[in-house]
């Protein structure tokens, strides 16, 4: 998949409350999206990405594309699973924080 370019994330009370349930903040999602994440196509035309925050926290983020290029609506975000962590490190060749 080509490089992910995020110009803007669309937030509302639904998605901010949802990621808060996973102890994730919107700023962390933004950081993960800008960290040269590993990106895969997910279900329903969504993007599944694994990215790292400035604090070194590895997150899985699901984004819904909008009609505007580079604009996405975060669906959820949570701490990356062991499998996602392994995938990230395999893809990045051992790279650490962005």
Protein backbone atom coordinates (compact mmCIF):
# COMPACT_ATOMS: atom_id res chain seq x y z
CA UNK A 1 0.00 0.00 0.00
CA UNK A 2 1.23 3.51 -0.74
CA UNK A 3 2.29 5.93 1.99
CA UNK A 4 -0.52 7.18 4.21
CA UNK A 5 -0.93 10.96 4.14
CA UNK A 6 -3.19 12.29 6.87
CA UNK A 7 -4.14 15.92 6.41
CA UNK A 8 -6.88 15.88 9.02
CA UNK A 9 -8.68 13.59 11.43
CA UNK A 10 -12.39 14.16 12.09
CA UNK A 11 -13.28 13.94 15.77
CA UNK A 12 -16.63 13.98 17.55
CA UNK A 13 -17.86 12.86 20.95
CA UNK A 14 -18.51 9.31 19.70
CA UNK A 15 -15.00 8.51 18.55
CA UNK A 16 -13.20 10.47 21.27
CA UNK A 17 -15.27 8.72 23.95
CA UNK A 18 -14.69 5.36 22.28
CA UNK A 19 -10.91 5.65 22.16
CA UNK A 20 -10.92 6.99 25.72
CA UNK A 21 -12.47 3.65 26.73
CA UNK A 22 -9.21 2.14 25.44
CA UNK A 23 -7.09 4.71 27.33
CA UNK A 24 -6.06 6.46 24.11
CA UNK A 25 -6.12 10.20 23.49
CA UNK A 26 -6.74 11.95 20.14
CA UNK A 27 -3.20 13.41 20.18
CA UNK A 28 -1.79 9.87 20.40
CA UNK A 29 -3.82 8.81 17.37
CA UNK A 30 -2.49 11.81 15.44
CA UNK A 31 1.08 10.90 16.43
CA UNK A 32 0.60 7.26 15.40
CA UNK A 33 -0.80 8.34 12.03
CA UNK A 34 2.16 10.63 11.37
CA UNK A 35 4.80 8.10 12.50
CA UNK A 36 5.16 6.29 9.15
CA UNK A 37 2.83 3.52 10.33
CA UNK A 38 2.35 0.06 8.91
CA UNK A 39 -0.90 0.32 6.93
CA UNK A 40 -3.23 -2.41 5.70
CA UNK A 41 -6.64 -2.37 4.05
CA UNK A 42 -9.32 -3.40 6.50
CA UNK A 43 -13.00 -4.25 6.30
CA UNK A 44 -15.56 -1.81 4.88
CA UNK A 45 -12.88 0.16 2.98
CA UNK A 46 -11.27 1.13 6.30
CA UNK A 47 -7.55 1.38 6.97
CA UNK A 48 -5.88 -0.67 9.69
CA UNK A 49 -2.67 0.93 10.85
CA UNK A 50 -0.05 0.26 13.47
CA UNK A 51 1.89 3.33 14.52
CA UNK A 52 3.99 4.61 17.37
CA UNK A 53 3.48 7.68 19.54
CA UNK A 54 6.19 10.12 20.60
CA UNK A 55 6.22 8.35 23.97
CA UNK A 56 6.89 5.00 22.27
CA UNK A 57 3.40 3.58 22.70
CA UNK A 58 2.44 1.27 19.84
CA UNK A 59 -1.19 1.70 18.78
CA UNK A 60 -3.57 0.03 16.38
CA UNK A 61 -5.81 2.62 14.71
CA UNK A 62 -8.78 2.02 12.41
CA UNK A 63 -9.56 4.90 10.05
CA UNK A 64 -12.56 5.46 7.79
CA UNK A 65 -11.66 7.44 4.65
CA UNK A 66 -13.93 10.37 3.77
CA UNK A 67 -14.74 11.85 0.38
CA UNK A 68 -11.88 14.32 0.90
CA UNK A 69 -8.35 13.11 0.15
CA UNK A 70 -6.23 12.81 3.27
CA UNK A 71 -9.19 13.28 5.64
CA UNK A 72 -10.14 10.34 7.86
CA UNK A 73 -12.53 9.59 10.69
CA UNK A 74 -10.94 7.50 13.44
CA UNK A 75 -13.21 4.57 14.25
CA UNK A 76 -11.18 3.13 17.13
CA UNK A 77 -7.66 3.02 18.55
CA UNK A 78 -6.11 0.75 21.14
CA UNK A 79 -2.83 -0.69 22.39
CA UNK A 80 -1.34 -2.89 19.67
CA UNK A 81 -1.70 -6.64 20.24
CA UNK A 82 1.31 -8.96 20.36
CA UNK A 83 0.63 -9.96 16.75
CA UNK A 84 0.38 -6.33 15.60
CA UNK A 85 3.53 -5.45 17.55
CA UNK A 86 5.42 -8.28 15.85
CA UNK A 87 4.08 -7.20 12.43
CA UNK A 88 5.16 -3.62 13.08
CA UNK A 89 8.70 -4.58 14.07
CA UNK A 90 9.04 -7.02 11.16
CA UNK A 91 7.92 -4.34 8.69
CA UNK A 92 10.08 -1.64 10.23
CA UNK A 93 13.17 -3.80 10.56
CA UNK A 94 13.60 -3.05 14.24
CA UNK A 95 12.95 0.71 14.04
CA UNK A 96 12.02 2.29 17.33
CA UNK A 97 10.18 5.53 18.13
CA UNK A 98 9.37 7.90 15.29
